[in-house]
């Protein structure tokens, strides 16, 4: 049974936040995601994915503000939270074998309906429940007439 510090360390290692972190290596040590700073102020940050076996590098994702990523236990997928605005974030699932395709995580209908009247909706990849199921959190607020929404759901990855 892991102790609390060990559990905290494991959770911290599972989440890489860019641009604060420069690289993140997959659990099987096959892939590495690297952050590349924008060439000028106001430009896009970029993430690349390198296959450490073949040394092939491919573009992964471009962003303006801040992203977080969480590797699946199998290293086959990664979940990327794009904190793209002060009022929203979006989660994408990317296959390490096809890094050019970022599939947005869709909110379940009941969660989407409850966040619709809010101006601030934050979706965040929390952790992988398994190699094929992602745990995602949603927080929505900014409309005083509607109660704040806090929900967690599991997203099946295909």
N, C-alpha and C. Protein backbone atom coordinates (compact mmCIF):
# COMPACT_ATOMS: atom_id res chain seq x y z
N UNK A 1 0.85 -1.19 0.00
CA UNK A 1 0.00 0.00 0.00
C UNK A 1 0.89 1.24 0.00
N UNK A 2 0.71 2.15 -0.99
CA UNK A 2 1.56 3.33 -1.02
C UNK A 2 1.21 4.30 0.10
N UNK A 3 2.20 4.98 0.60
CA UNK A 3 1.96 5.99 1.61
C UNK A 3 1.43 7.24 0.93
N UNK A 4 0.94 8.18 1.72
CA UNK A 4 0.39 9.41 1.16
C UNK A 4 1.44 10.15 0.33
N UNK A 5 2.69 10.33 0.83
CA UNK A 5 3.67 11.01 -0.03
C UNK A 5 3.94 10.28 -1.33
N UNK A 6 3.97 8.93 -1.28
CA UNK A 6 4.19 8.18 -2.52
C UNK A 6 3.02 8.33 -3.48
N UNK A 7 1.80 8.32 -2.95
CA UNK A 7 0.62 8.49 -3.81
C UNK A 7 0.62 9.89 -4.42
N UNK A 8 0.99 10.91 -3.63
CA UNK A 8 1.04 12.26 -4.14
C UNK A 8 2.10 12.38 -5.24
N UNK A 9 3.26 11.79 -5.00
CA UNK A 9 4.33 11.84 -6.00
C UNK A 9 3.90 11.16 -7.28
N UNK A 10 3.25 10.01 -7.17
CA UNK A 10 2.79 9.29 -8.36
C UNK A 10 1.78 10.13 -9.13
N UNK A 11 0.87 10.80 -8.42
CA UNK A 11 -0.13 11.65 -9.08
C UNK A 11 0.55 12.84 -9.75
N UNK A 12 1.53 13.42 -9.09
CA UNK A 12 2.24 14.56 -9.66
C UNK A 12 3.02 14.17 -10.90
N UNK A 13 3.61 12.99 -10.89
CA UNK A 13 4.37 12.53 -12.04
C UNK A 13 3.49 12.19 -13.22
N UNK A 14 2.23 11.84 -12.97
CA UNK A 14 1.32 11.46 -14.04
C UNK A 14 0.85 12.67 -14.85
N UNK A 15 0.95 13.87 -14.29
CA UNK A 15 0.46 15.07 -14.93
C UNK A 15 1.63 15.98 -15.28
N UNK A 16 1.73 16.35 -16.52
CA UNK A 16 2.77 17.29 -16.95
C UNK A 16 2.10 18.56 -17.41
N UNK A 17 2.50 19.69 -16.86
CA UNK A 17 1.93 20.97 -17.23
C UNK A 17 2.94 21.76 -18.05
N UNK A 18 2.51 22.19 -19.22
CA UNK A 18 3.38 22.96 -20.11
C UNK A 18 2.84 24.39 -20.20
N UNK A 19 3.66 25.40 -20.25
CA UNK A 19 5.08 25.36 -20.51
C UNK A 19 5.98 25.27 -19.28
N UNK A 20 5.46 25.11 -18.07
CA UNK A 20 6.32 25.02 -16.89
C UNK A 20 7.27 23.83 -16.98
N UNK A 21 6.76 22.68 -17.40
CA UNK A 21 7.59 21.50 -17.60
C UNK A 21 8.10 21.52 -19.03
N UNK A 22 9.31 21.08 -19.25
CA UNK A 22 9.89 21.09 -20.60
C UNK A 22 9.62 19.79 -21.35
N UNK A 23 9.57 18.66 -20.64
CA UNK A 23 9.34 17.38 -21.29
C UNK A 23 8.49 16.48 -20.41
N UNK A 24 7.89 15.48 -21.04
CA UNK A 24 7.15 14.45 -20.33
C UNK A 24 7.38 13.13 -21.07
N UNK A 25 7.78 12.11 -20.35
CA UNK A 25 8.07 10.81 -20.95
C UNK A 25 6.93 9.86 -20.62
N UNK A 26 6.53 9.05 -21.59
CA UNK A 26 5.43 8.10 -21.41
C UNK A 26 5.80 7.04 -20.37
N UNK A 27 4.79 6.40 -19.77
CA UNK A 27 5.07 5.39 -18.75
C UNK A 27 5.96 4.24 -19.22
N UNK A 28 5.87 3.88 -20.51
CA UNK A 28 6.72 2.79 -21.00
C UNK A 28 8.08 3.30 -21.53
N UNK A 29 8.31 4.59 -21.38
CA UNK A 29 9.57 5.24 -21.80
C UNK A 29 9.83 5.17 -23.30
N UNK A 30 8.76 5.01 -24.08
CA UNK A 30 8.93 4.97 -25.52
C UNK A 30 8.81 6.35 -26.16
N UNK A 31 7.95 7.20 -25.59
CA UNK A 31 7.67 8.50 -26.18
C UNK A 31 8.07 9.64 -25.23
N UNK A 32 8.38 10.77 -25.85
CA UNK A 32 8.66 11.98 -25.07
C UNK A 32 7.95 13.15 -25.73
N UNK A 33 7.23 13.91 -24.92
CA UNK A 33 6.62 15.16 -25.38
C UNK A 33 7.53 16.29 -24.92
N UNK A 34 7.83 17.19 -25.85
CA UNK A 34 8.72 18.32 -25.57
C UNK A 34 8.01 19.62 -25.89
N UNK A 35 8.16 20.59 -25.01
CA UNK A 35 7.61 21.93 -25.21
C UNK A 35 8.64 22.78 -25.92
N UNK A 36 8.19 23.52 -26.93
CA UNK A 36 9.05 24.45 -27.66
C UNK A 36 8.44 25.84 -27.53
N UNK A 37 9.23 26.76 -27.02
CA UNK A 37 8.76 28.13 -26.79
C UNK A 37 8.46 28.83 -28.10
N UNK A 38 7.54 29.79 -28.06
CA UNK A 38 7.26 30.55 -29.28
C UNK A 38 8.46 31.41 -29.67
N UNK A 39 8.66 31.62 -30.97
CA UNK A 39 9.82 32.41 -31.41
C UNK A 39 9.73 33.88 -31.01
N UNK A 40 8.50 34.37 -30.79
CA UNK A 40 8.34 35.76 -30.37
C UNK A 40 7.17 35.88 -29.41
N UNK A 41 7.12 36.99 -28.69
CA UNK A 41 6.05 37.22 -27.73
C UNK A 41 4.69 37.17 -28.44
N UNK A 42 3.75 36.47 -27.83
CA UNK A 42 2.42 36.37 -28.40
C UNK A 42 2.27 35.25 -29.41
N UNK A 43 3.36 34.51 -29.69
CA UNK A 43 3.28 33.41 -30.64
C UNK A 43 2.76 32.14 -29.99
N UNK A 44 2.65 31.12 -30.80
CA UNK A 44 2.15 29.84 -30.32
C UNK A 44 3.28 29.02 -29.69
N UNK A 45 2.97 28.39 -28.56
CA UNK A 45 3.83 27.36 -27.98
C UNK A 45 3.56 26.10 -28.79
N UNK A 46 4.54 25.20 -28.87
CA UNK A 46 4.34 23.96 -29.60
C UNK A 46 4.79 22.77 -28.76
N UNK A 47 4.09 21.67 -28.94
CA UNK A 47 4.50 20.40 -28.35
C UNK A 47 4.87 19.47 -29.49
N UNK A 48 5.95 18.72 -29.31
CA UNK A 48 6.31 17.68 -30.28
C UNK A 48 6.33 16.34 -29.57
N UNK A 49 6.13 15.28 -30.34
CA UNK A 49 6.17 13.92 -29.82
C UNK A 49 7.33 13.20 -30.49
N UNK A 50 8.23 12.65 -29.68
CA UNK A 50 9.37 11.90 -30.21
C UNK A 50 9.24 10.45 -29.81
N UNK A 51 9.36 9.57 -30.80
CA UNK A 51 9.43 8.14 -30.55
C UNK A 51 10.89 7.86 -30.19
N UNK A 52 11.15 7.51 -28.96
CA UNK A 52 12.53 7.35 -28.49
C UNK A 52 13.22 6.12 -29.07
N UNK A 53 12.45 5.19 -29.64
CA UNK A 53 13.06 4.02 -30.29
C UNK A 53 13.58 4.37 -31.68
N UNK A 54 12.74 5.11 -32.45
CA UNK A 54 13.11 5.42 -33.83
C UNK A 54 13.72 6.81 -33.97
N UNK A 55 13.59 7.62 -32.94
CA UNK A 55 14.06 9.03 -32.94
C UNK A 55 13.24 9.93 -33.85
N UNK A 56 12.12 9.42 -34.37
CA UNK A 56 11.25 10.24 -35.21
C UNK A 56 10.48 11.23 -34.34
N UNK A 57 10.40 12.47 -34.81
CA UNK A 57 9.69 13.52 -34.08
C UNK A 57 8.57 14.06 -34.97
N UNK A 58 7.39 14.26 -34.34
CA UNK A 58 6.23 14.77 -35.08
C UNK A 58 5.61 15.91 -34.28
N UNK A 59 5.00 16.88 -34.98
CA UNK A 59 4.26 17.93 -34.27
C UNK A 59 3.10 17.29 -33.52
N UNK A 60 2.83 17.78 -32.33
CA UNK A 60 1.75 17.22 -31.52
C UNK A 60 0.61 18.21 -31.33
N UNK A 61 0.93 19.44 -30.88
CA UNK A 61 -0.13 20.39 -30.55
C UNK A 61 0.46 21.79 -30.45
N UNK A 62 -0.30 22.79 -30.87
CA UNK A 62 0.08 24.20 -30.71
C UNK A 62 -0.91 24.86 -29.78
N UNK A 63 -0.43 25.78 -28.94
CA UNK A 63 -1.32 26.42 -27.98
C UNK A 63 -0.81 27.80 -27.62
N UNK A 64 -1.70 28.62 -27.06
CA UNK A 64 -1.35 30.00 -26.73
C UNK A 64 -1.01 30.18 -25.25
N UNK A 65 -1.69 29.50 -24.36
CA UNK A 65 -1.58 29.84 -22.94
C UNK A 65 -0.91 28.76 -22.09
N UNK A 66 -1.57 27.63 -21.96
CA UNK A 66 -1.12 26.61 -21.01
C UNK A 66 -1.82 25.30 -21.35
N UNK A 67 -1.10 24.20 -21.27
CA UNK A 67 -1.71 22.87 -21.43
C UNK A 67 -1.19 21.94 -20.35
N UNK A 68 -1.97 20.90 -20.10
CA UNK A 68 -1.57 19.82 -19.20
C UNK A 68 -1.78 18.52 -19.96
N UNK A 69 -0.92 17.55 -19.72
CA UNK A 69 -1.16 16.26 -20.34
C UNK A 69 -1.00 15.13 -19.35
N UNK A 70 -1.78 14.09 -19.60
CA UNK A 70 -1.77 12.90 -18.76
C UNK A 70 -1.65 11.69 -19.69
N UNK A 71 -0.60 10.90 -19.49
CA UNK A 71 -0.39 9.69 -20.29
C UNK A 71 -1.31 8.57 -19.82
N UNK A 72 -1.80 7.76 -20.77
CA UNK A 72 -2.54 6.56 -20.40
C UNK A 72 -1.53 5.54 -19.86
N UNK A 73 -1.98 4.59 -19.05
CA UNK A 73 -1.06 3.60 -18.49
C UNK A 73 -0.31 2.80 -19.56
N UNK A 74 -0.93 2.61 -20.72
CA UNK A 74 -0.32 1.82 -21.79
C UNK A 74 0.61 2.66 -22.67
N UNK A 75 0.60 3.97 -22.48
CA UNK A 75 1.35 4.93 -23.30
C UNK A 75 0.79 5.07 -24.71
N UNK A 76 -0.33 4.41 -24.99
CA UNK A 76 -0.93 4.47 -26.32
C UNK A 76 -1.70 5.76 -26.57
N UNK A 77 -2.15 6.42 -25.50
CA UNK A 77 -2.93 7.64 -25.63
C UNK A 77 -2.42 8.66 -24.63
N UNK A 78 -2.67 9.91 -24.94
CA UNK A 78 -2.48 10.93 -23.93
C UNK A 78 -3.65 11.88 -23.99
N UNK A 79 -4.00 12.39 -22.81
CA UNK A 79 -5.08 13.36 -22.70
C UNK A 79 -4.44 14.72 -22.51
N UNK A 80 -4.87 15.68 -23.31
CA UNK A 80 -4.28 17.00 -23.28
C UNK A 80 -5.38 18.00 -22.95
N UNK A 81 -5.19 18.74 -21.85
CA UNK A 81 -6.12 19.81 -21.49
C UNK A 81 -5.54 21.11 -22.01
N UNK A 82 -6.27 21.77 -22.89
CA UNK A 82 -5.85 23.06 -23.45
C UNK A 82 -6.59 24.16 -22.69
N UNK A 83 -5.87 24.88 -21.85
CA UNK A 83 -6.44 26.01 -21.10
C UNK A 83 -6.37 27.23 -22.01
N UNK A 84 -7.21 27.21 -23.02
CA UNK A 84 -7.05 28.15 -24.13
C UNK A 84 -7.61 29.53 -23.89
N UNK A 85 -8.38 29.70 -22.86
CA UNK A 85 -8.92 31.02 -22.59
C UNK A 85 -9.16 31.20 -21.11
N UNK A 86 -9.41 32.44 -20.72
CA UNK A 86 -9.67 32.70 -19.31
C UNK A 86 -11.05 32.21 -18.91
N UNK A 87 -11.86 31.81 -19.89
CA UNK A 87 -13.20 31.36 -19.57
C UNK A 87 -13.50 29.93 -20.04
N UNK A 88 -12.49 29.22 -20.56
CA UNK A 88 -12.77 27.86 -21.00
C UNK A 88 -11.49 27.05 -21.15
N UNK A 89 -11.68 25.75 -21.10
CA UNK A 89 -10.62 24.80 -21.43
C UNK A 89 -11.27 23.62 -22.15
N UNK A 90 -10.45 22.91 -22.91
CA UNK A 90 -10.95 21.78 -23.70
C UNK A 90 -9.97 20.62 -23.52
N UNK A 91 -10.50 19.40 -23.48
CA UNK A 91 -9.65 18.21 -23.38
C UNK A 91 -9.67 17.49 -24.73
N UNK A 92 -8.48 17.08 -25.15
CA UNK A 92 -8.31 16.29 -26.38
C UNK A 92 -7.65 14.98 -26.01
N UNK A 93 -7.99 13.92 -26.74
CA UNK A 93 -7.29 12.64 -26.63
C UNK A 93 -6.49 12.47 -27.92
N UNK A 94 -5.22 12.13 -27.75
CA UNK A 94 -4.31 11.97 -28.89
C UNK A 94 -3.66 10.60 -28.79
N UNK A 95 -3.68 9.86 -29.87
CA UNK A 95 -3.01 8.56 -29.94
C UNK A 95 -1.53 8.80 -30.21
N UNK A 96 -0.67 8.14 -29.46
CA UNK A 96 0.77 8.32 -29.69
C UNK A 96 1.17 7.79 -31.06
N UNK A 97 0.39 6.87 -31.60
CA UNK A 97 0.68 6.34 -32.94
C UNK A 97 0.17 7.25 -34.06
N UNK A 98 -0.68 8.23 -33.74
CA UNK A 98 -1.22 9.16 -34.73
C UNK A 98 -1.30 10.55 -34.11
N UNK A 99 -0.15 11.18 -33.83
CA UNK A 99 -0.16 12.44 -33.08
C UNK A 99 -0.78 13.62 -33.80
N UNK A 100 -1.04 13.52 -35.08
CA UNK A 100 -1.62 14.65 -35.82
C UNK A 100 -3.12 14.78 -35.58
N UNK A 101 -3.75 13.79 -34.93
CA UNK A 101 -5.20 13.81 -34.74
C UNK A 101 -5.51 14.02 -33.26
N UNK A 102 -6.12 15.16 -32.94
CA UNK A 102 -6.53 15.46 -31.57
C UNK A 102 -8.05 15.41 -31.52
N UNK A 103 -8.60 14.43 -30.82
CA UNK A 103 -10.05 14.24 -30.74
C UNK A 103 -10.58 14.93 -29.48
N UNK A 104 -11.47 15.92 -29.63
CA UNK A 104 -12.01 16.59 -28.44
C UNK A 104 -12.91 15.65 -27.64
N UNK A 105 -12.82 15.75 -26.32
CA UNK A 105 -13.67 14.97 -25.43
C UNK A 105 -15.04 15.65 -25.40
N UNK A 106 -16.08 14.90 -25.68
CA UNK A 106 -17.44 15.43 -25.66
C UNK A 106 -18.04 15.28 -24.28
N UNK A 107 -18.70 16.33 -23.82
CA UNK A 107 -19.37 16.25 -22.53
C UNK A 107 -20.63 15.40 -22.67
N UNK A 108 -20.95 14.59 -21.66
CA UNK A 108 -22.22 13.87 -21.69
C UNK A 108 -23.38 14.86 -21.76
N UNK A 109 -24.48 14.46 -22.34
CA UNK A 109 -25.62 15.36 -22.56
C UNK A 109 -26.09 16.03 -21.28
N UNK A 110 -26.17 15.28 -20.17
CA UNK A 110 -26.66 15.88 -18.93
C UNK A 110 -25.69 16.93 -18.39
N UNK A 111 -24.39 16.70 -18.56
CA UNK A 111 -23.40 17.68 -18.11
C UNK A 111 -23.42 18.89 -19.04
N UNK A 112 -23.47 18.66 -20.35
CA UNK A 112 -23.49 19.76 -21.32
C UNK A 112 -24.69 20.66 -21.08
N UNK A 113 -25.85 20.08 -20.80
CA UNK A 113 -27.06 20.88 -20.55
C UNK A 113 -26.90 21.73 -19.29
N UNK A 114 -26.24 21.20 -18.28
CA UNK A 114 -26.11 21.95 -17.03
C UNK A 114 -25.07 23.06 -17.12
N UNK A 115 -24.12 22.96 -18.03
CA UNK A 115 -23.10 24.00 -18.15
C UNK A 115 -23.45 25.04 -19.21
N UNK A 116 -24.46 24.79 -20.02
CA UNK A 116 -24.81 25.69 -21.13
C UNK A 116 -25.01 27.14 -20.72
N UNK A 117 -25.68 27.44 -19.61
CA UNK A 117 -25.91 28.85 -19.28
C UNK A 117 -24.72 29.55 -18.63
N UNK A 118 -23.64 28.85 -18.42
CA UNK A 118 -22.47 29.44 -17.76
C UNK A 118 -21.51 30.08 -18.76
N UNK A 119 -20.84 31.11 -18.31
CA UNK A 119 -19.86 31.78 -19.16
C UNK A 119 -18.48 31.17 -19.05
N UNK A 120 -18.19 30.52 -17.94
CA UNK A 120 -16.87 29.91 -17.71
C UNK A 120 -17.06 28.41 -17.57
N UNK A 121 -16.49 27.65 -18.48
CA UNK A 121 -16.59 26.19 -18.44
C UNK A 121 -15.18 25.63 -18.58
N UNK A 122 -14.76 24.93 -17.55
CA UNK A 122 -13.42 24.34 -17.53
C UNK A 122 -13.53 22.82 -17.51
N UNK A 123 -13.01 22.20 -18.53
CA UNK A 123 -12.96 20.74 -18.63
C UNK A 123 -11.49 20.37 -18.46
N UNK A 124 -11.22 19.33 -17.67
CA UNK A 124 -9.83 18.98 -17.36
C UNK A 124 -9.68 17.47 -17.28
N UNK A 125 -8.66 16.95 -17.96
CA UNK A 125 -8.32 15.54 -17.82
C UNK A 125 -7.69 15.36 -16.45
N UNK A 126 -8.23 14.43 -15.67
CA UNK A 126 -7.77 14.23 -14.30
C UNK A 126 -6.79 13.05 -14.22
N UNK A 127 -7.23 11.90 -14.73
CA UNK A 127 -6.41 10.69 -14.68
C UNK A 127 -7.07 9.65 -15.58
N UNK A 128 -6.30 8.63 -15.89
CA UNK A 128 -6.83 7.50 -16.65
C UNK A 128 -7.36 6.47 -15.67
N UNK A 129 -8.63 6.10 -15.82
CA UNK A 129 -9.22 5.05 -14.99
C UNK A 129 -8.71 3.69 -15.45
N UNK A 130 -8.39 3.59 -16.74
CA UNK A 130 -7.80 2.39 -17.34
C UNK A 130 -7.16 2.86 -18.65
N UNK A 131 -6.61 1.94 -19.40
CA UNK A 131 -6.00 2.34 -20.68
C UNK A 131 -7.04 2.78 -21.72
N UNK A 132 -8.32 2.53 -21.44
CA UNK A 132 -9.34 2.90 -22.41
C UNK A 132 -10.42 3.81 -21.84
N UNK A 133 -10.22 4.33 -20.63
CA UNK A 133 -11.23 5.19 -20.02
C UNK A 133 -10.56 6.32 -19.25
N UNK A 134 -10.92 7.54 -19.60
CA UNK A 134 -10.33 8.75 -19.05
C UNK A 134 -11.31 9.39 -18.06
N UNK A 135 -10.81 9.80 -16.90
CA UNK A 135 -11.62 10.53 -15.94
C UNK A 135 -11.44 12.02 -16.20
N UNK A 136 -12.56 12.72 -16.38
CA UNK A 136 -12.56 14.13 -16.75
C UNK A 136 -13.41 14.90 -15.75
N UNK A 137 -12.92 16.09 -15.36
CA UNK A 137 -13.71 16.94 -14.46
C UNK A 137 -14.21 18.15 -15.23
N UNK A 138 -15.34 18.67 -14.78
CA UNK A 138 -15.94 19.86 -15.37
C UNK A 138 -16.32 20.80 -14.24
N UNK A 139 -15.93 22.05 -14.37
CA UNK A 139 -16.36 23.08 -13.45
C UNK A 139 -16.93 24.21 -14.29
N UNK A 140 -18.11 24.66 -13.92
CA UNK A 140 -18.74 25.75 -14.67
C UNK A 140 -19.36 26.73 -13.69
N UNK A 141 -19.13 28.01 -13.95
CA UNK A 141 -19.69 29.06 -13.10
C UNK A 141 -19.71 30.36 -13.88
N UNK A 142 -20.15 31.43 -13.28
CA UNK A 142 -20.14 32.78 -13.84
C UNK A 142 -21.53 33.27 -14.18
N UNK A 143 -22.54 32.50 -13.89
CA UNK A 143 -23.90 32.99 -14.08
C UNK A 143 -24.58 32.90 -12.73
N UNK A 144 -24.79 34.03 -12.04
CA UNK A 144 -25.34 33.99 -10.69
C UNK A 144 -26.73 33.36 -10.61
N UNK A 145 -27.45 33.31 -11.71
CA UNK A 145 -28.78 32.72 -11.70
C UNK A 145 -28.74 31.20 -11.76
N UNK A 146 -27.58 30.64 -12.08
CA UNK A 146 -27.45 29.19 -12.24
C UNK A 146 -26.39 28.70 -11.26
N UNK A 147 -26.67 27.63 -10.49
CA UNK A 147 -25.68 27.13 -9.54
C UNK A 147 -24.41 26.65 -10.25
N UNK A 148 -23.30 26.76 -9.55
CA UNK A 148 -22.03 26.26 -10.06
C UNK A 148 -22.14 24.76 -10.30
N UNK A 149 -21.55 24.31 -11.39
CA UNK A 149 -21.56 22.89 -11.73
C UNK A 149 -20.17 22.32 -11.47
N UNK A 150 -20.12 21.23 -10.75
CA UNK A 150 -18.87 20.49 -10.60
C UNK A 150 -19.23 19.03 -10.84
N UNK A 151 -18.62 18.45 -11.86
CA UNK A 151 -18.95 17.08 -12.23
C UNK A 151 -17.70 16.34 -12.65
N UNK A 152 -17.73 15.04 -12.46
CA UNK A 152 -16.67 14.17 -12.95
C UNK A 152 -17.35 13.07 -13.74
N UNK A 153 -16.78 12.73 -14.88
CA UNK A 153 -17.33 11.63 -15.66
C UNK A 153 -16.21 10.87 -16.29
N UNK A 154 -16.53 9.68 -16.77
CA UNK A 154 -15.54 8.84 -17.45
C UNK A 154 -15.82 8.86 -18.93
N UNK A 155 -14.74 9.07 -19.69
CA UNK A 155 -14.83 9.16 -21.14
C UNK A 155 -14.20 7.92 -21.76
N UNK A 156 -14.99 7.13 -22.49
CA UNK A 156 -14.41 5.93 -23.12
C UNK A 156 -13.59 6.31 -24.35
N UNK A 157 -12.37 5.84 -24.42
CA UNK A 157 -11.49 6.15 -25.54
C UNK A 157 -11.58 5.03 -26.55
N UNK A 158 -11.79 5.35 -27.80
CA UNK A 158 -11.92 4.34 -28.85
C UNK A 158 -10.60 4.14 -29.55
